[in-house]
Amino acid sequence: MKIIIVDDHELVREGLKKVLLKEPGIQLVGEANNTLELFKLLEETEVDLVVLDITMPGRSGLDIISELKNLNDHIRILILSMHPEERFALRALKAGASGYLSKEAAARELVTAIRKIMSGGRYVSANLADHLLSNLDNDLGKLPHENLSNREFEIFRLIAKGKSVGQIAEELILSVNTITSYRSRMMEKMNFSSNAEIVRYAIEHNLIE
């Protein structure tokens, strides 16, 4: 199976390579520092699975999952993140990821996750599985940000990082009016009236680093 690693930390990429290069049947065909580099790689490289970090310069891994699947539905995506599983895992899986794993997981679990995904399955840790099952029917306990669409959530996180509407429009290749419209819907859903409230909420709920 052909794998690309996407993470902005070189030490993380090197650690992953050491683990995966020992495994029979696994071929590392590329690595990327950010999502822009990933898309350039995909133009010239055949790949079966992308091991994808969430927090990177530019667009986050979470924000491009659906785009990757639209580009090639056969690509499998394993999110490997420092963020707590309960924060982003469900959104990642709904967007099209085949698995979610914490960077704190043991090397053996990473290999297990990859092999399960490439055999057609999905992978989450035992702790995350328990969390998802316990909250399966508990929509009443949803946090406000969990009601946002993927695009609204993407814009929410960019605003929380201090980016202006113009900067977000340029980064996402959308018009300022479109971003403003998404922002208005997002603010209404969360009952916010200012960007300061967005930043405070994001920090309180560990949605930005």
N, C-alpha and C. Protein backbone atom coordinates (compact mmCIF):
# COMPACT_ATOMS: atom_id res chain seq x y z
N MET A 1 0.84 -1.19 0.00
CA MET A 1 0.00 0.00 0.00
C MET A 1 0.87 1.24 0.00
N LYS A 2 0.45 2.25 -0.75
CA LYS A 2 1.24 3.48 -0.91
C LYS A 2 0.70 4.56 0.03
N ILE A 3 1.61 5.14 0.81
CA ILE A 3 1.21 6.08 1.87
C ILE A 3 1.95 7.41 1.73
N ILE A 4 1.22 8.50 1.99
CA ILE A 4 1.80 9.83 2.12
C ILE A 4 1.58 10.31 3.56
N ILE A 5 2.62 10.88 4.16
CA ILE A 5 2.53 11.45 5.51
C ILE A 5 2.44 12.96 5.39
N VAL A 6 1.48 13.56 6.08
CA VAL A 6 1.31 15.02 6.05
C VAL A 6 1.33 15.56 7.48
N ASP A 7 2.40 16.26 7.82
CA ASP A 7 2.55 16.85 9.16
C ASP A 7 3.58 17.96 9.06
N ASP A 8 3.34 19.06 9.76
CA ASP A 8 4.26 20.19 9.65
C ASP A 8 5.48 20.07 10.55
N HIS A 9 5.55 19.01 11.34
CA HIS A 9 6.72 18.81 12.20
C HIS A 9 7.61 17.70 11.62
N GLU A 10 8.83 18.07 11.27
CA GLU A 10 9.75 17.10 10.65
C GLU A 10 10.04 15.92 11.57
N LEU A 11 10.16 16.18 12.86
CA LEU A 11 10.44 15.10 13.81
C LEU A 11 9.31 14.08 13.83
N VAL A 12 8.07 14.56 13.72
CA VAL A 12 6.93 13.65 13.68
C VAL A 12 6.98 12.81 12.41
N ARG A 13 7.25 13.46 11.28
CA ARG A 13 7.33 12.71 10.02
C ARG A 13 8.43 11.66 10.07
N GLU A 14 9.58 12.03 10.62
CA GLU A 14 10.69 11.07 10.71
C GLU A 14 10.33 9.90 11.61
N GLY A 15 9.65 10.18 12.71
CA GLY A 15 9.23 9.11 13.61
C GLY A 15 8.26 8.16 12.94
N LEU A 16 7.31 8.71 12.19
CA LEU A 16 6.34 7.88 11.48
C LEU A 16 7.03 7.03 10.42
N LYS A 17 7.99 7.62 9.72
CA LYS A 17 8.70 6.87 8.68
C LYS A 17 9.46 5.69 9.28
N LYS A 18 10.09 5.90 10.44
CA LYS A 18 10.83 4.82 11.08
C LYS A 18 9.92 3.65 11.41
N VAL A 19 8.71 3.97 11.86
CA VAL A 19 7.75 2.91 12.19
C VAL A 19 7.27 2.19 10.94
N LEU A 20 6.88 2.96 9.94
CA LEU A 20 6.22 2.38 8.77
C LEU A 20 7.18 1.67 7.83
N LEU A 21 8.42 2.14 7.73
CA LEU A 21 9.38 1.51 6.82
C LEU A 21 9.76 0.10 7.25
N LYS A 22 9.49 -0.23 8.52
CA LYS A 22 9.77 -1.58 9.01
C LYS A 22 8.68 -2.57 8.61
N GLU A 23 7.55 -2.05 8.16
CA GLU A 23 6.39 -2.90 7.94
C GLU A 23 6.33 -3.42 6.50
N PRO A 24 6.18 -4.73 6.34
CA PRO A 24 6.06 -5.30 4.99
C PRO A 24 4.78 -4.84 4.31
N GLY A 25 4.87 -4.57 3.03
CA GLY A 25 3.69 -4.20 2.26
C GLY A 25 3.35 -2.72 2.31
N ILE A 26 4.12 -1.95 3.08
CA ILE A 26 3.88 -0.51 3.18
C ILE A 26 4.98 0.24 2.42
N GLN A 27 4.57 1.10 1.52
CA GLN A 27 5.51 1.89 0.72
C GLN A 27 5.23 3.38 0.93
N LEU A 28 6.21 4.10 1.46
CA LEU A 28 6.07 5.55 1.62
C LEU A 28 6.42 6.22 0.30
N VAL A 29 5.45 6.90 -0.28
CA VAL A 29 5.66 7.50 -1.60
C VAL A 29 5.78 9.02 -1.53
N GLY A 30 5.70 9.58 -0.33
CA GLY A 30 5.85 11.03 -0.23
C GLY A 30 5.54 11.54 1.16
N GLU A 31 5.96 12.77 1.41
CA GLU A 31 5.63 13.46 2.65
C GLU A 31 5.41 14.93 2.35
N ALA A 32 4.57 15.57 3.15
CA ALA A 32 4.25 16.97 2.93
C ALA A 32 4.23 17.71 4.26
N ASN A 33 4.57 18.99 4.19
CA ASN A 33 4.61 19.85 5.36
C ASN A 33 3.28 20.53 5.63
N ASN A 34 2.42 20.59 4.59
CA ASN A 34 1.12 21.26 4.71
C ASN A 34 0.19 20.74 3.63
N THR A 35 -1.05 21.21 3.64
CA THR A 35 -2.05 20.68 2.71
C THR A 35 -1.78 21.10 1.28
N LEU A 36 -1.19 22.28 1.08
CA LEU A 36 -0.85 22.73 -0.27
C LEU A 36 0.16 21.79 -0.91
N GLU A 37 1.19 21.41 -0.15
CA GLU A 37 2.18 20.46 -0.65
C GLU A 37 1.54 19.11 -0.93
N LEU A 38 0.57 18.72 -0.11
CA LEU A 38 -0.12 17.45 -0.32
C LEU A 38 -0.82 17.43 -1.67
N PHE A 39 -1.58 18.47 -1.98
CA PHE A 39 -2.31 18.49 -3.25
C PHE A 39 -1.36 18.48 -4.45
N LYS A 40 -0.20 19.12 -4.32
CA LYS A 40 0.79 19.07 -5.39
C LYS A 40 1.33 17.66 -5.57
N LEU A 41 1.57 16.98 -4.44
CA LEU A 41 2.03 15.59 -4.49
C LEU A 41 1.02 14.69 -5.18
N LEU A 42 -0.24 14.90 -4.88
CA LEU A 42 -1.29 14.03 -5.42
C LEU A 42 -1.45 14.18 -6.92
N GLU A 43 -0.97 15.30 -7.47
CA GLU A 43 -1.04 15.50 -8.92
C GLU A 43 -0.10 14.56 -9.66
N GLU A 44 0.93 14.08 -8.97
CA GLU A 44 1.95 13.28 -9.65
C GLU A 44 2.23 11.93 -8.98
N THR A 45 1.49 11.63 -7.91
CA THR A 45 1.78 10.42 -7.14
C THR A 45 0.51 9.61 -6.89
N GLU A 46 0.59 8.31 -7.14
CA GLU A 46 -0.52 7.42 -6.79
C GLU A 46 -0.42 7.08 -5.30
N VAL A 47 -1.53 7.15 -4.62
CA VAL A 47 -1.51 6.91 -3.17
C VAL A 47 -2.76 6.16 -2.74
N ASP A 48 -2.59 5.29 -1.76
CA ASP A 48 -3.73 4.54 -1.21
C ASP A 48 -4.25 5.18 0.08
N LEU A 49 -3.32 5.70 0.89
CA LEU A 49 -3.71 6.23 2.19
C LEU A 49 -2.89 7.47 2.54
N VAL A 50 -3.57 8.46 3.11
CA VAL A 50 -2.91 9.68 3.59
C VAL A 50 -3.00 9.70 5.11
N VAL A 51 -1.85 9.76 5.77
CA VAL A 51 -1.81 9.96 7.23
C VAL A 51 -1.72 11.47 7.44
N LEU A 52 -2.78 12.04 8.02
CA LEU A 52 -2.98 13.49 7.96
C LEU A 52 -3.10 14.12 9.34
N ASP A 53 -2.26 15.13 9.59
CA ASP A 53 -2.36 15.92 10.82
C ASP A 53 -3.51 16.91 10.67
N ILE A 54 -4.01 17.44 11.78
CA ILE A 54 -5.06 18.46 11.73
C ILE A 54 -4.47 19.86 11.68
N THR A 55 -3.59 20.18 12.62
CA THR A 55 -3.10 21.55 12.77
C THR A 55 -1.81 21.75 12.00
N MET A 56 -1.90 22.54 10.92
CA MET A 56 -0.74 22.84 10.08
C MET A 56 -0.86 24.27 9.56
N PRO A 57 0.23 24.83 9.04
CA PRO A 57 0.14 26.16 8.42
C PRO A 57 -0.86 26.14 7.26
N GLY A 58 -1.58 27.23 7.08
CA GLY A 58 -2.59 27.26 6.02
C GLY A 58 -3.82 26.50 6.46
N ARG A 59 -4.42 25.78 5.53
CA ARG A 59 -5.63 25.04 5.84
C ARG A 59 -5.32 23.82 6.69
N SER A 60 -6.22 23.49 7.58
CA SER A 60 -6.00 22.34 8.45
C SER A 60 -6.38 21.05 7.74
N GLY A 61 -5.86 19.94 8.28
CA GLY A 61 -6.21 18.64 7.70
C GLY A 61 -7.70 18.37 7.76
N LEU A 62 -8.32 18.79 8.84
CA LEU A 62 -9.76 18.58 9.00
C LEU A 62 -10.56 19.24 7.88
N ASP A 63 -10.08 20.39 7.44
CA ASP A 63 -10.82 21.17 6.45
C ASP A 63 -10.78 20.59 5.04
N ILE A 64 -9.82 19.70 4.76
CA ILE A 64 -9.66 19.23 3.38
C ILE A 64 -10.08 17.78 3.17
N ILE A 65 -10.60 17.15 4.21
CA ILE A 65 -10.97 15.73 4.07
C ILE A 65 -11.95 15.51 2.93
N SER A 66 -13.02 16.29 2.91
CA SER A 66 -14.03 16.11 1.87
C SER A 66 -13.46 16.40 0.49
N GLU A 67 -12.54 17.36 0.39
CA GLU A 67 -11.91 17.66 -0.90
C GLU A 67 -11.07 16.49 -1.39
N LEU A 68 -10.34 15.87 -0.48
CA LEU A 68 -9.54 14.70 -0.85
C LEU A 68 -10.43 13.58 -1.37
N LYS A 69 -11.55 13.36 -0.70
CA LYS A 69 -12.46 12.30 -1.11
C LYS A 69 -13.11 12.62 -2.46
N ASN A 70 -13.39 13.90 -2.70
CA ASN A 70 -13.95 14.29 -3.99
C ASN A 70 -12.93 14.13 -5.10
N LEU A 71 -11.67 14.38 -4.77
CA LEU A 71 -10.59 14.24 -5.74
C LEU A 71 -10.40 12.78 -6.14
N ASN A 72 -10.45 11.91 -5.15
CA ASN A 72 -10.29 10.47 -5.40
C ASN A 72 -10.94 9.71 -4.25
N ASP A 73 -12.10 9.16 -4.52
CA ASP A 73 -12.87 8.49 -3.46
C ASP A 73 -12.18 7.24 -2.94
N HIS A 74 -11.18 6.73 -3.68
CA HIS A 74 -10.49 5.52 -3.25
C HIS A 74 -9.40 5.81 -2.23
N ILE A 75 -9.01 7.08 -2.09
CA ILE A 75 -8.00 7.43 -1.10
C ILE A 75 -8.58 7.26 0.31
N ARG A 76 -7.83 6.60 1.16
CA ARG A 76 -8.22 6.45 2.55
C ARG A 76 -7.46 7.49 3.39
N ILE A 77 -8.09 7.98 4.44
CA ILE A 77 -7.49 9.04 5.25
C ILE A 77 -7.49 8.62 6.72
N LEU A 78 -6.31 8.65 7.32
CA LEU A 78 -6.17 8.42 8.76
C LEU A 78 -5.71 9.72 9.40
N ILE A 79 -6.55 10.29 10.26
CA ILE A 79 -6.18 11.49 10.99
C ILE A 79 -5.31 11.09 12.18
N LEU A 80 -4.14 11.71 12.27
CA LEU A 80 -3.23 11.47 13.39
C LEU A 80 -2.96 12.83 14.03
N SER A 81 -3.53 13.06 15.21
CA SER A 81 -3.53 14.41 15.76
C SER A 81 -3.18 14.46 17.24
N MET A 82 -2.68 15.62 17.66
CA MET A 82 -2.42 15.84 19.08
C MET A 82 -3.69 16.25 19.81
N HIS A 83 -4.73 16.63 19.06
CA HIS A 83 -5.97 17.10 19.68
C HIS A 83 -6.74 15.93 20.31
N PRO A 84 -7.42 16.17 21.42
CA PRO A 84 -8.22 15.11 22.05
C PRO A 84 -9.22 14.52 21.06
N GLU A 85 -9.34 13.22 21.08
CA GLU A 85 -10.19 12.53 20.11
C GLU A 85 -11.62 13.04 20.12
N GLU A 86 -12.14 13.31 21.32
CA GLU A 86 -13.55 13.69 21.42
C GLU A 86 -13.82 15.07 20.82
N ARG A 87 -12.77 15.86 20.55
CA ARG A 87 -12.96 17.21 20.00
C ARG A 87 -13.25 17.17 18.50
N PHE A 88 -12.50 16.34 17.77
CA PHE A 88 -12.56 16.42 16.31
C PHE A 88 -12.87 15.10 15.61
N ALA A 89 -12.80 13.99 16.31
CA ALA A 89 -12.90 12.69 15.64
C ALA A 89 -14.22 12.50 14.91
N LEU A 90 -15.32 12.80 15.56
CA LEU A 90 -16.62 12.56 14.93
C LEU A 90 -16.78 13.41 13.67
N ARG A 91 -16.35 14.67 13.73
CA ARG A 91 -16.44 15.53 12.55
C ARG A 91 -15.55 14.99 11.43
N ALA A 92 -14.36 14.53 11.78
CA ALA A 92 -13.46 13.98 10.77
C ALA A 92 -14.04 12.73 10.11
N LEU A 93 -14.62 11.85 10.91
CA LEU A 93 -15.21 10.62 10.37
C LEU A 93 -16.41 10.93 9.49
N LYS A 94 -17.23 11.88 9.91
CA LYS A 94 -18.38 12.27 9.10
C LYS A 94 -17.96 12.89 7.78
N ALA A 95 -16.83 13.59 7.79
CA ALA A 95 -16.34 14.24 6.57
C ALA A 95 -15.76 13.25 5.58
N GLY A 96 -15.42 12.04 6.06
CA GLY A 96 -14.91 11.03 5.13
C GLY A 96 -13.63 10.35 5.55
N ALA A 97 -13.07 10.71 6.70
CA ALA A 97 -11.88 10.01 7.19
C ALA A 97 -12.23 8.58 7.56
N SER A 98 -11.25 7.69 7.41
CA SER A 98 -11.48 6.28 7.74
C SER A 98 -11.00 5.93 9.14
N GLY A 99 -10.31 6.87 9.78
CA GLY A 99 -9.84 6.59 11.12
C GLY A 99 -9.31 7.84 11.79
N TYR A 100 -9.23 7.78 13.11
CA TYR A 100 -8.72 8.91 13.90
C TYR A 100 -7.89 8.34 15.04
N LEU A 101 -6.67 8.83 15.16
CA LEU A 101 -5.76 8.30 16.17
C LEU A 101 -4.99 9.45 16.81
N SER A 102 -4.81 9.36 18.12
CA SER A 102 -4.02 10.36 18.83
C SER A 102 -2.54 10.11 18.59
N LYS A 103 -1.75 11.18 18.56
CA LYS A 103 -0.31 11.04 18.42
C LYS A 103 0.31 10.36 19.63
N GLU A 104 -0.44 10.25 20.70
CA GLU A 104 0.06 9.58 21.89
C GLU A 104 -0.08 8.05 21.78
N ALA A 105 -0.74 7.59 20.74
CA ALA A 105 -0.94 6.15 20.56
C ALA A 105 0.40 5.45 20.31
N ALA A 106 0.48 4.19 20.68
CA ALA A 106 1.69 3.41 20.46
C ALA A 106 1.89 3.14 18.97
N ALA A 107 3.14 2.91 18.60
CA ALA A 107 3.47 2.65 17.19
C ALA A 107 2.69 1.46 16.65
N ARG A 108 2.53 0.44 17.49
CA ARG A 108 1.83 -0.77 17.05
C ARG A 108 0.38 -0.45 16.69
N GLU A 109 -0.24 0.47 17.45
CA GLU A 109 -1.63 0.82 17.17
C GLU A 109 -1.74 1.56 15.84
N LEU A 110 -0.74 2.37 15.50
CA LEU A 110 -0.73 3.06 14.21
C LEU A 110 -0.74 2.05 13.06
N VAL A 111 0.10 1.05 13.15
CA VAL A 111 0.16 0.03 12.10
C VAL A 111 -1.16 -0.75 12.04
N THR A 112 -1.70 -1.08 13.20
CA THR A 112 -2.99 -1.78 13.25
C THR A 112 -4.08 -0.96 12.57
N ALA A 113 -4.10 0.34 12.86
CA ALA A 113 -5.10 1.23 12.27
C ALA A 113 -4.96 1.27 10.75
N ILE A 114 -3.74 1.41 10.27
CA ILE A 114 -3.51 1.48 8.82
C ILE A 114 -3.95 0.19 8.14
N ARG A 115 -3.61 -0.94 8.71
CA ARG A 115 -3.96 -2.22 8.07
C ARG A 115 -5.48 -2.44 8.09
N LYS A 116 -6.13 -2.04 9.15
CA LYS A 116 -7.59 -2.19 9.20
C LYS A 116 -8.25 -1.30 8.16
N ILE A 117 -7.78 -0.06 8.04
CA ILE A 117 -8.36 0.86 7.06
C ILE A 117 -8.14 0.35 5.64
N MET A 118 -6.95 -0.15 5.36
CA MET A 118 -6.66 -0.61 4.00
C MET A 118 -7.36 -1.93 3.67
N SER A 119 -7.87 -2.60 4.68
CA SER A 119 -8.66 -3.81 4.42
C SER A 119 -10.14 -3.48 4.25
N GLY A 120 -10.45 -2.17 4.29
CA GLY A 120 -11.83 -1.74 4.06
C GLY A 120 -12.58 -1.30 5.29
N GLY A 121 -11.93 -1.37 6.46
CA GLY A 121 -12.61 -1.01 7.69
C GLY A 121 -12.36 0.43 8.11
N ARG A 122 -12.86 0.76 9.29
CA ARG A 122 -12.59 2.06 9.91
C ARG A 122 -11.91 1.80 11.24
N TYR A 123 -11.19 2.81 11.73
CA TYR A 123 -10.48 2.60 12.98
C TYR A 123 -10.65 3.78 13.93
N VAL A 124 -11.04 3.46 15.16
CA VAL A 124 -11.00 4.42 16.27
C VAL A 124 -10.48 3.65 17.48
N SER A 125 -9.90 4.37 18.41
CA SER A 125 -9.40 3.72 19.63
C SER A 125 -10.56 3.22 20.48
N ALA A 126 -10.25 2.34 21.42
CA ALA A 126 -11.29 1.82 22.31
C ALA A 126 -11.94 2.94 23.11
N ASN A 127 -11.13 3.89 23.58
CA ASN A 127 -11.68 5.01 24.36
C ASN A 127 -12.63 5.86 23.53
N LEU A 128 -12.25 6.11 22.28
CA LEU A 128 -13.10 6.92 21.41
C LEU A 128 -14.38 6.17 21.07
N ALA A 129 -14.28 4.87 20.85
CA ALA A 129 -15.47 4.07 20.55
C ALA A 129 -16.47 4.15 21.70
N ASP A 130 -15.98 4.06 22.93
CA ASP A 130 -16.85 4.19 24.10
C ASP A 130 -17.51 5.56 24.14
N HIS A 131 -16.72 6.60 23.85
CA HIS A 131 -17.25 7.97 23.88
C HIS A 131 -18.33 8.15 22.82
N LEU A 132 -18.08 7.65 21.61
CA LEU A 132 -19.06 7.80 20.53
C LEU A 132 -20.35 7.05 20.84
N LEU A 133 -20.22 5.87 21.39
CA LEU A 133 -21.41 5.08 21.72
C LEU A 133 -22.22 5.74 22.83
N SER A 134 -21.55 6.30 23.81
CA SER A 134 -22.27 6.92 24.93
C SER A 134 -22.97 8.20 24.51
N ASN A 135 -22.53 8.79 23.40
CA ASN A 135 -23.14 10.05 22.95
C ASN A 135 -23.96 9.88 21.67
N LEU A 136 -24.19 8.62 21.29
CA LEU A 136 -24.85 8.35 20.01
C LEU A 136 -26.22 9.00 19.90
N ASP A 137 -26.99 8.94 20.95
CA ASP A 137 -28.36 9.49 20.90
C ASP A 137 -28.52 10.74 21.75
N ASN A 138 -27.40 11.35 22.08
CA ASN A 138 -27.47 12.48 23.01
C ASN A 138 -27.31 13.81 22.29
N ASP A 139 -28.20 14.10 21.34
CA ASP A 139 -28.13 15.37 20.63
C ASP A 139 -28.43 16.55 21.54
N LEU A 140 -29.17 16.31 22.63
CA LEU A 140 -29.52 17.40 23.53
C LEU A 140 -28.28 17.99 24.20
N GLY A 141 -27.25 17.16 24.33
CA GLY A 141 -26.04 17.63 24.99
C GLY A 141 -25.00 18.20 24.04
N LYS A 142 -25.38 18.44 22.81
CA LYS A 142 -24.43 18.95 21.83
C LYS A 142 -23.91 20.33 22.21
N LEU A 143 -22.62 20.54 21.99
CA LEU A 143 -22.05 21.86 22.14
C LEU A 143 -22.39 22.69 20.91
N PRO A 144 -22.45 24.01 21.04
CA PRO A 144 -22.87 24.85 19.91
C PRO A 144 -22.06 24.63 18.63
N HIS A 145 -20.74 24.45 18.74
CA HIS A 145 -19.93 24.30 17.52
C HIS A 145 -20.21 22.99 16.79
N GLU A 146 -20.79 22.02 17.48
CA GLU A 146 -21.09 20.74 16.85
C GLU A 146 -22.27 20.83 15.89
N ASN A 147 -23.00 21.94 15.94
CA ASN A 147 -24.12 22.14 15.02
C ASN A 147 -23.71 22.87 13.75
N LEU A 148 -22.43 23.26 13.66
CA LEU A 148 -21.96 23.96 12.47
C LEU A 148 -21.68 22.99 11.34
N SER A 149 -21.90 23.44 10.11
CA SER A 149 -21.49 22.65 8.95
C SER A 149 -19.96 22.63 8.90
N ASN A 150 -19.39 21.75 8.07
CA ASN A 150 -17.93 21.67 7.97
C ASN A 150 -17.34 23.00 7.53
N ARG A 151 -17.97 23.66 6.55
CA ARG A 151 -17.45 24.93 6.06
C ARG A 151 -17.58 26.01 7.14
N GLU A 152 -18.71 26.05 7.84
CA GLU A 152 -18.88 27.02 8.92
C GLU A 152 -17.84 26.80 10.02
N PHE A 153 -17.58 25.54 10.32
CA PHE A 153 -16.60 25.22 11.36
C PHE A 153 -15.19 25.62 10.92
N GLU A 154 -14.90 25.42 9.64
CA GLU A 154 -13.61 25.82 9.10
C GLU A 154 -13.41 27.33 9.26
N ILE A 155 -14.43 28.10 8.91
CA ILE A 155 -14.36 29.56 9.01
C ILE A 155 -14.32 30.00 10.47
N PHE A 156 -15.06 29.31 11.31
CA PHE A 156 -15.02 29.57 12.76
C PHE A 156 -13.59 29.47 13.28
N ARG A 157 -12.90 28.40 12.92
CA ARG A 157 -11.53 28.18 13.42
C ARG A 157 -10.56 29.22 12.86
N LEU A 158 -10.75 29.62 11.61
CA LEU A 158 -9.86 30.63 11.03
C LEU A 158 -10.07 31.99 11.69
N ILE A 159 -11.32 32.33 11.96
CA ILE A 159 -11.59 33.59 12.68
C ILE A 159 -10.98 33.52 14.08
N ALA A 160 -11.13 32.37 14.73
CA ALA A 160 -10.58 32.21 16.08
C ALA A 160 -9.06 32.35 16.10
N LYS A 161 -8.43 32.05 14.97
CA LYS A 161 -6.97 32.20 14.86
C LYS A 161 -6.56 33.64 14.54
N GLY A 162 -7.57 34.51 14.39
CA GLY A 162 -7.26 35.92 14.18
C GLY A 162 -7.26 36.39 12.74
N LYS A 163 -7.74 35.55 11.83
CA LYS A 163 -7.74 35.92 10.41
C LYS A 163 -8.95 36.78 10.08
N SER A 164 -8.74 37.73 9.17
CA SER A 164 -9.83 38.61 8.74
C SER A 164 -10.67 37.92 7.67
N VAL A 165 -11.84 38.49 7.39
CA VAL A 165 -12.71 37.95 6.35
C VAL A 165 -11.98 37.93 5.01
N GLY A 166 -11.24 38.99 4.72
CA GLY A 166 -10.48 39.06 3.47
C GLY A 166 -9.42 37.98 3.37
N GLN A 167 -8.70 37.75 4.46
CA GLN A 167 -7.67 36.71 4.47
C GLN A 167 -8.27 35.32 4.30
N ILE A 168 -9.41 35.10 4.94
CA ILE A 168 -10.08 33.80 4.82
C ILE A 168 -10.57 33.59 3.40
N ALA A 169 -11.14 34.63 2.80
CA ALA A 169 -11.62 34.53 1.42
C ALA A 169 -10.49 34.16 0.48
N GLU A 170 -9.33 34.78 0.67
CA GLU A 170 -8.17 34.49 -0.18
C GLU A 170 -7.68 33.06 0.03
N GLU A 171 -7.63 32.63 1.28
CA GLU A 171 -7.12 31.30 1.60
C GLU A 171 -8.03 30.20 1.06
N LEU A 172 -9.35 30.41 1.16
CA LEU A 172 -10.31 29.38 0.73
C LEU A 172 -10.75 29.55 -0.71
N ILE A 173 -10.22 30.59 -1.36
CA ILE A 173 -10.56 30.90 -2.76
C ILE A 173 -12.07 31.07 -2.91
N LEU A 174 -12.63 31.90 -2.05
CA LEU A 174 -14.05 32.24 -2.08
C LEU A 174 -14.18 33.75 -2.02
N SER A 175 -15.35 34.26 -2.37
CA SER A 175 -15.55 35.71 -2.32
C SER A 175 -15.72 36.19 -0.88
N VAL A 176 -15.44 37.47 -0.67
CA VAL A 176 -15.64 38.07 0.65
C VAL A 176 -17.10 37.97 1.06
N ASN A 177 -18.01 38.17 0.10
CA ASN A 177 -19.44 38.07 0.40
C ASN A 177 -19.83 36.68 0.87
N THR A 178 -19.24 35.66 0.25
CA THR A 178 -19.53 34.28 0.64
C THR A 178 -19.04 34.01 2.07
N ILE A 179 -17.84 34.45 2.38
CA ILE A 179 -17.30 34.27 3.73
C ILE A 179 -18.15 35.01 4.75
N THR A 180 -18.55 36.23 4.40
CA THR A 180 -19.40 37.02 5.29
C THR A 180 -20.72 36.32 5.57
N SER A 181 -21.27 35.69 4.53
CA SER A 181 -22.53 34.97 4.68
C SER A 181 -22.36 33.76 5.61
N TYR A 182 -21.28 33.00 5.40
CA TYR A 182 -21.00 31.86 6.28
C TYR A 182 -20.79 32.32 7.72
N ARG A 183 -20.07 33.42 7.88
CA ARG A 183 -19.81 33.94 9.22
C ARG A 183 -21.12 34.32 9.90
N SER A 184 -22.03 34.95 9.17
CA SER A 184 -23.31 35.37 9.75
C SER A 184 -24.12 34.16 10.22
N ARG A 185 -24.15 33.10 9.39
CA ARG A 185 -24.89 31.89 9.76
C ARG A 185 -24.26 31.24 10.99
N MET A 186 -22.93 31.21 10.99
CA MET A 186 -22.22 30.61 12.11
C MET A 186 -22.48 31.38 13.40
N MET A 187 -22.43 32.70 13.32
CA MET A 187 -22.67 33.54 14.50
C MET A 187 -24.09 33.36 15.03
N GLU A 188 -25.03 33.22 14.10
CA GLU A 188 -26.43 33.04 14.50
C GLU A 188 -26.62 31.70 15.21
N LYS A 189 -26.03 30.65 14.65
CA LYS A 189 -26.16 29.32 15.26
C LYS A 189 -25.56 29.28 16.67
N MET A 190 -24.49 30.02 16.86
CA MET A 190 -23.80 29.97 18.15
C MET A 190 -24.22 31.11 19.08
N ASN A 191 -25.10 31.95 18.58
CA ASN A 191 -25.61 33.08 19.38
C ASN A 191 -24.47 34.00 19.82
N PHE A 192 -23.56 34.27 18.88
CA PHE A 192 -22.45 35.18 19.13
C PHE A 192 -22.69 36.50 18.42
N SER A 193 -22.05 37.55 18.92
CA SER A 193 -22.19 38.86 18.28
C SER A 193 -20.85 39.49 17.93
N SER A 194 -19.74 38.83 18.29
CA SER A 194 -18.43 39.42 18.00
C SER A 194 -17.38 38.33 17.81
N ASN A 195 -16.30 38.71 17.13
CA ASN A 195 -15.18 37.78 16.95
C ASN A 195 -14.52 37.43 18.28
N ALA A 196 -14.57 38.37 19.22
CA ALA A 196 -13.97 38.11 20.54
C ALA A 196 -14.64 36.91 21.21
N GLU A 197 -15.96 36.78 21.02
CA GLU A 197 -16.67 35.63 21.59
C GLU A 197 -16.23 34.33 20.93
N ILE A 198 -15.96 34.40 19.63
CA ILE A 198 -15.48 33.22 18.90
C ILE A 198 -14.13 32.78 19.47
N VAL A 199 -13.23 33.73 19.61
CA VAL A 199 -11.89 33.42 20.13
C VAL A 199 -11.98 32.83 21.53
N ARG A 200 -12.75 33.45 22.39
CA ARG A 200 -12.88 32.97 23.77
C ARG A 200 -13.45 31.55 23.81
N TYR A 201 -14.49 31.30 23.02
CA TYR A 201 -15.12 29.98 22.98
C TYR A 201 -14.13 28.94 22.47
N ALA A 202 -13.41 29.27 21.41
CA ALA A 202 -12.46 28.32 20.82
C ALA A 202 -11.36 27.95 21.81
N ILE A 203 -10.89 28.92 22.56
CA ILE A 203 -9.85 28.65 23.56
C ILE A 203 -10.41 27.80 24.69
N GLU A 204 -11.59 28.14 25.17
CA GLU A 204 -12.21 27.40 26.28
C GLU A 204 -12.46 25.94 25.92
N HIS A 205 -12.73 25.67 24.63
CA HIS A 205 -13.06 24.30 24.22
C HIS A 205 -11.91 23.62 23.47
N ASN A 206 -10.72 24.21 23.56
CA ASN A 206 -9.52 23.60 22.96
C ASN A 206 -9.68 23.34 21.47
N LEU A 207 -10.30 24.27 20.76
CA LEU A 207 -10.53 24.09 19.33
C LEU A 207 -9.44 24.73 18.48
N ILE A 208 -8.59 25.51 19.12
CA ILE A 208 -7.40 26.04 18.46
C ILE A 208 -6.23 25.86 19.41
N GLU A 209 -5.03 25.85 18.83
CA GLU A 209 -3.84 25.65 19.66
C GLU A 209 -3.25 26.99 20.05
